[in-house]
Amino acid sequence: MTDPAPTPSPPEKSAIESLTLKSAAAIAVATVASRFSIELPAGAAQDLASALIQLITTLGLVGVAIGRTRARGPIV
């Protein structure tokens, strides 16, 4: 008897591509906008949420790069 073919695992998504993360960020943006009585056009909350996620990711990567550079340099 042969073993059955392994079932393929579902494709993995990065955290940035997660719909849950994007939805949570969009809800947060819409909540803050409504709290300050700002009316957003349709789709603006999603666009702002995506931009915010990209900004946080980029700043995190910059922080990691700076930390790695400092760790390899002389301790002052």
N, C-alpha and C. Protein backbone atom coordinates (compact mmCIF):
# COMPACT_ATOMS: atom_id res chain seq x y z
N MET A 1 0.83 -1.18 0.00
CA MET A 1 0.00 0.00 0.00
C MET A 1 0.87 1.25 0.00
N THR A 2 0.40 2.22 -0.68
CA THR A 2 1.13 3.48 -0.70
C THR A 2 0.43 4.48 0.20
N ASP A 3 1.22 5.38 0.72
CA ASP A 3 0.65 6.43 1.58
C ASP A 3 -0.12 7.42 0.71
N PRO A 4 -1.22 7.93 1.25
CA PRO A 4 -1.95 8.94 0.46
C PRO A 4 -1.09 10.19 0.29
N ALA A 5 -1.36 10.88 -0.77
CA ALA A 5 -0.60 12.11 -1.04
C ALA A 5 -0.84 13.10 0.08
N PRO A 6 0.20 13.78 0.50
CA PRO A 6 0.01 14.76 1.58
C PRO A 6 -0.90 15.90 1.10
N THR A 7 -1.74 16.34 2.00
CA THR A 7 -2.64 17.44 1.65
C THR A 7 -1.84 18.73 1.68
N PRO A 8 -2.01 19.55 0.68
CA PRO A 8 -1.25 20.81 0.67
C PRO A 8 -1.75 21.73 1.78
N SER A 9 -0.81 22.39 2.41
CA SER A 9 -1.20 23.32 3.47
C SER A 9 -1.75 24.59 2.82
N PRO A 10 -2.63 25.27 3.53
CA PRO A 10 -3.16 26.50 2.96
C PRO A 10 -2.04 27.52 2.78
N PRO A 11 -2.14 28.35 1.77
CA PRO A 11 -1.07 29.33 1.56
C PRO A 11 -0.95 30.25 2.76
N GLU A 12 0.27 30.45 3.17
CA GLU A 12 0.51 31.32 4.33
C GLU A 12 0.56 32.77 3.87
N LYS A 13 -0.05 33.63 4.66
CA LYS A 13 -0.03 35.05 4.36
C LYS A 13 0.84 35.74 5.40
N SER A 14 1.47 36.79 4.98
CA SER A 14 2.21 37.58 5.95
C SER A 14 1.21 38.38 6.77
N ALA A 15 1.66 38.89 7.89
CA ALA A 15 0.76 39.65 8.76
C ALA A 15 0.23 40.89 8.06
N ILE A 16 1.03 41.46 7.17
CA ILE A 16 0.61 42.67 6.47
C ILE A 16 -0.56 42.39 5.54
N GLU A 17 -0.62 41.19 4.98
CA GLU A 17 -1.67 40.82 4.04
C GLU A 17 -2.91 40.29 4.75
N SER A 18 -2.88 40.21 6.06
CA SER A 18 -3.99 39.66 6.82
C SER A 18 -5.21 40.58 6.76
N LEU A 19 -6.33 40.01 6.39
CA LEU A 19 -7.56 40.80 6.33
C LEU A 19 -8.00 41.20 7.73
N THR A 20 -7.70 40.38 8.73
CA THR A 20 -8.06 40.72 10.10
C THR A 20 -7.32 41.97 10.55
N LEU A 21 -6.02 42.03 10.26
CA LEU A 21 -5.23 43.19 10.64
C LEU A 21 -5.70 44.43 9.89
N LYS A 22 -5.94 44.29 8.60
CA LYS A 22 -6.41 45.44 7.81
C LYS A 22 -7.77 45.91 8.29
N SER A 23 -8.66 44.98 8.60
CA SER A 23 -9.99 45.36 9.07
C SER A 23 -9.91 46.06 10.42
N ALA A 24 -9.08 45.52 11.33
CA ALA A 24 -8.94 46.14 12.64
C ALA A 24 -8.36 47.55 12.52
N ALA A 25 -7.39 47.71 11.66
CA ALA A 25 -6.79 49.04 11.46
C ALA A 25 -7.79 49.99 10.82
N ALA A 26 -8.57 49.51 9.87
CA ALA A 26 -9.59 50.36 9.24
C ALA A 26 -10.65 50.79 10.24
N ILE A 27 -11.05 49.87 11.11
CA ILE A 27 -12.03 50.21 12.14
C ILE A 27 -11.45 51.24 13.10
N ALA A 28 -10.18 51.09 13.46
CA ALA A 28 -9.53 52.05 14.35
C ALA A 28 -9.45 53.43 13.70
N VAL A 29 -9.09 53.48 12.43
CA VAL A 29 -9.02 54.77 11.72
C VAL A 29 -10.40 55.41 11.66
N ALA A 30 -11.42 54.63 11.33
CA ALA A 30 -12.79 55.17 11.24
C ALA A 30 -13.28 55.64 12.61
N THR A 31 -12.91 54.92 13.67
CA THR A 31 -13.33 55.31 15.01
C THR A 31 -12.68 56.63 15.42
N VAL A 32 -11.39 56.76 15.16
CA VAL A 32 -10.69 58.00 15.50
C VAL A 32 -11.26 59.16 14.68
N ALA A 33 -11.54 58.92 13.41
CA ALA A 33 -12.10 59.99 12.57
C ALA A 33 -13.47 60.42 13.08
N SER A 34 -14.29 59.47 13.46
CA SER A 34 -15.63 59.83 13.96
C SER A 34 -15.53 60.52 15.31
N ARG A 35 -14.53 60.14 16.10
CA ARG A 35 -14.34 60.78 17.41
C ARG A 35 -14.01 62.26 17.26
N PHE A 36 -13.27 62.60 16.21
CA PHE A 36 -12.93 63.99 15.94
C PHE A 36 -13.89 64.64 14.96
N SER A 37 -15.01 64.00 14.69
CA SER A 37 -16.06 64.50 13.79
C SER A 37 -15.53 64.76 12.39
N ILE A 38 -14.68 63.87 11.90
CA ILE A 38 -14.16 63.96 10.54
C ILE A 38 -14.90 62.95 9.70
N GLU A 39 -15.50 63.42 8.62
CA GLU A 39 -16.21 62.52 7.72
C GLU A 39 -15.27 62.06 6.61
N LEU A 40 -15.04 60.77 6.54
CA LEU A 40 -14.14 60.20 5.54
C LEU A 40 -14.91 59.75 4.32
N PRO A 41 -14.37 59.97 3.12
CA PRO A 41 -15.01 59.43 1.91
C PRO A 41 -14.97 57.91 1.91
N ALA A 42 -15.78 57.31 1.08
CA ALA A 42 -15.84 55.85 1.01
C ALA A 42 -14.47 55.28 0.65
N GLY A 43 -14.02 54.31 1.41
CA GLY A 43 -12.74 53.65 1.14
C GLY A 43 -11.53 54.34 1.74
N ALA A 44 -11.72 55.53 2.29
CA ALA A 44 -10.59 56.27 2.83
C ALA A 44 -10.02 55.61 4.08
N ALA A 45 -10.89 55.02 4.90
CA ALA A 45 -10.41 54.37 6.12
C ALA A 45 -9.51 53.19 5.77
N GLN A 46 -9.88 52.43 4.74
CA GLN A 46 -9.05 51.30 4.33
C GLN A 46 -7.71 51.77 3.77
N ASP A 47 -7.74 52.84 2.98
CA ASP A 47 -6.49 53.37 2.41
C ASP A 47 -5.57 53.90 3.52
N LEU A 48 -6.15 54.63 4.46
CA LEU A 48 -5.35 55.15 5.57
C LEU A 48 -4.81 54.02 6.43
N ALA A 49 -5.61 52.99 6.64
CA ALA A 49 -5.16 51.84 7.44
C ALA A 49 -3.99 51.14 6.75
N SER A 50 -4.08 50.95 5.44
CA SER A 50 -2.98 50.31 4.70
C SER A 50 -1.71 51.15 4.79
N ALA A 51 -1.86 52.46 4.64
CA ALA A 51 -0.70 53.35 4.73
C ALA A 51 -0.10 53.30 6.13
N LEU A 52 -0.95 53.25 7.14
CA LEU A 52 -0.47 53.19 8.51
C LEU A 52 0.29 51.89 8.78
N ILE A 53 -0.24 50.78 8.29
CA ILE A 53 0.44 49.48 8.46
C ILE A 53 1.79 49.50 7.77
N GLN A 54 1.85 50.04 6.57
CA GLN A 54 3.13 50.12 5.84
C GLN A 54 4.12 51.01 6.56
N LEU A 55 3.65 52.12 7.12
CA LEU A 55 4.52 53.04 7.85
C LEU A 55 5.10 52.36 9.08
N ILE A 56 4.26 51.68 9.84
CA ILE A 56 4.73 51.00 11.05
C ILE A 56 5.73 49.90 10.70
N THR A 57 5.44 49.16 9.63
CA THR A 57 6.35 48.10 9.20
C THR A 57 7.70 48.67 8.78
N THR A 58 7.66 49.75 8.01
CA THR A 58 8.90 50.38 7.55
C THR A 58 9.71 50.91 8.72
N LEU A 59 9.06 51.58 9.67
CA LEU A 59 9.77 52.10 10.83
C LEU A 59 10.35 50.96 11.67
N GLY A 60 9.64 49.86 11.75
CA GLY A 60 10.16 48.70 12.47
C GLY A 60 11.41 48.14 11.81
N LEU A 61 11.37 48.05 10.48
CA LEU A 61 12.54 47.55 9.76
C LEU A 61 13.73 48.49 9.89
N VAL A 62 13.46 49.79 9.89
CA VAL A 62 14.54 50.76 10.08
C VAL A 62 15.13 50.59 11.49
N GLY A 63 14.26 50.40 12.47
CA GLY A 63 14.73 50.20 13.84
C GLY A 63 15.60 48.95 13.97
N VAL A 64 15.19 47.88 13.30
CA VAL A 64 15.98 46.64 13.33
C VAL A 64 17.33 46.88 12.67
N ALA A 65 17.34 47.58 11.54
CA ALA A 65 18.60 47.85 10.84
C ALA A 65 19.54 48.69 11.71
N ILE A 66 19.00 49.68 12.38
CA ILE A 66 19.82 50.53 13.25
C ILE A 66 20.35 49.71 14.42
N GLY A 67 19.50 48.89 14.99
CA GLY A 67 19.93 48.06 16.11
C GLY A 67 21.03 47.09 15.73
N ARG A 68 20.89 46.47 14.56
CA ARG A 68 21.92 45.53 14.10
C ARG A 68 23.23 46.26 13.84
N THR A 69 23.15 47.46 13.27
CA THR A 69 24.36 48.23 12.99
C THR A 69 25.06 48.62 14.29
N ARG A 70 24.29 49.05 15.25
CA ARG A 70 24.88 49.45 16.54
C ARG A 70 25.47 48.26 17.27
N ALA A 71 24.83 47.10 17.14
CA ALA A 71 25.33 45.92 17.84
C ALA A 71 26.65 45.44 17.25
N ARG A 72 26.89 45.71 15.98
CA ARG A 72 28.12 45.26 15.34
C ARG A 72 29.25 46.26 15.51
N GLY A 73 28.93 47.48 15.84
CA GLY A 73 29.96 48.52 16.02
C GLY A 73 30.57 48.44 17.40
N PRO A 74 31.53 49.29 17.66
CA PRO A 74 32.19 49.30 18.97
C PRO A 74 31.23 49.79 20.06
N ILE A 75 31.37 49.25 21.24
CA ILE A 75 30.56 49.69 22.38
C ILE A 75 31.22 50.91 22.95
N VAL A 76 30.49 52.00 22.98
CA VAL A 76 31.08 53.26 23.44
C VAL A 76 30.62 53.57 24.83
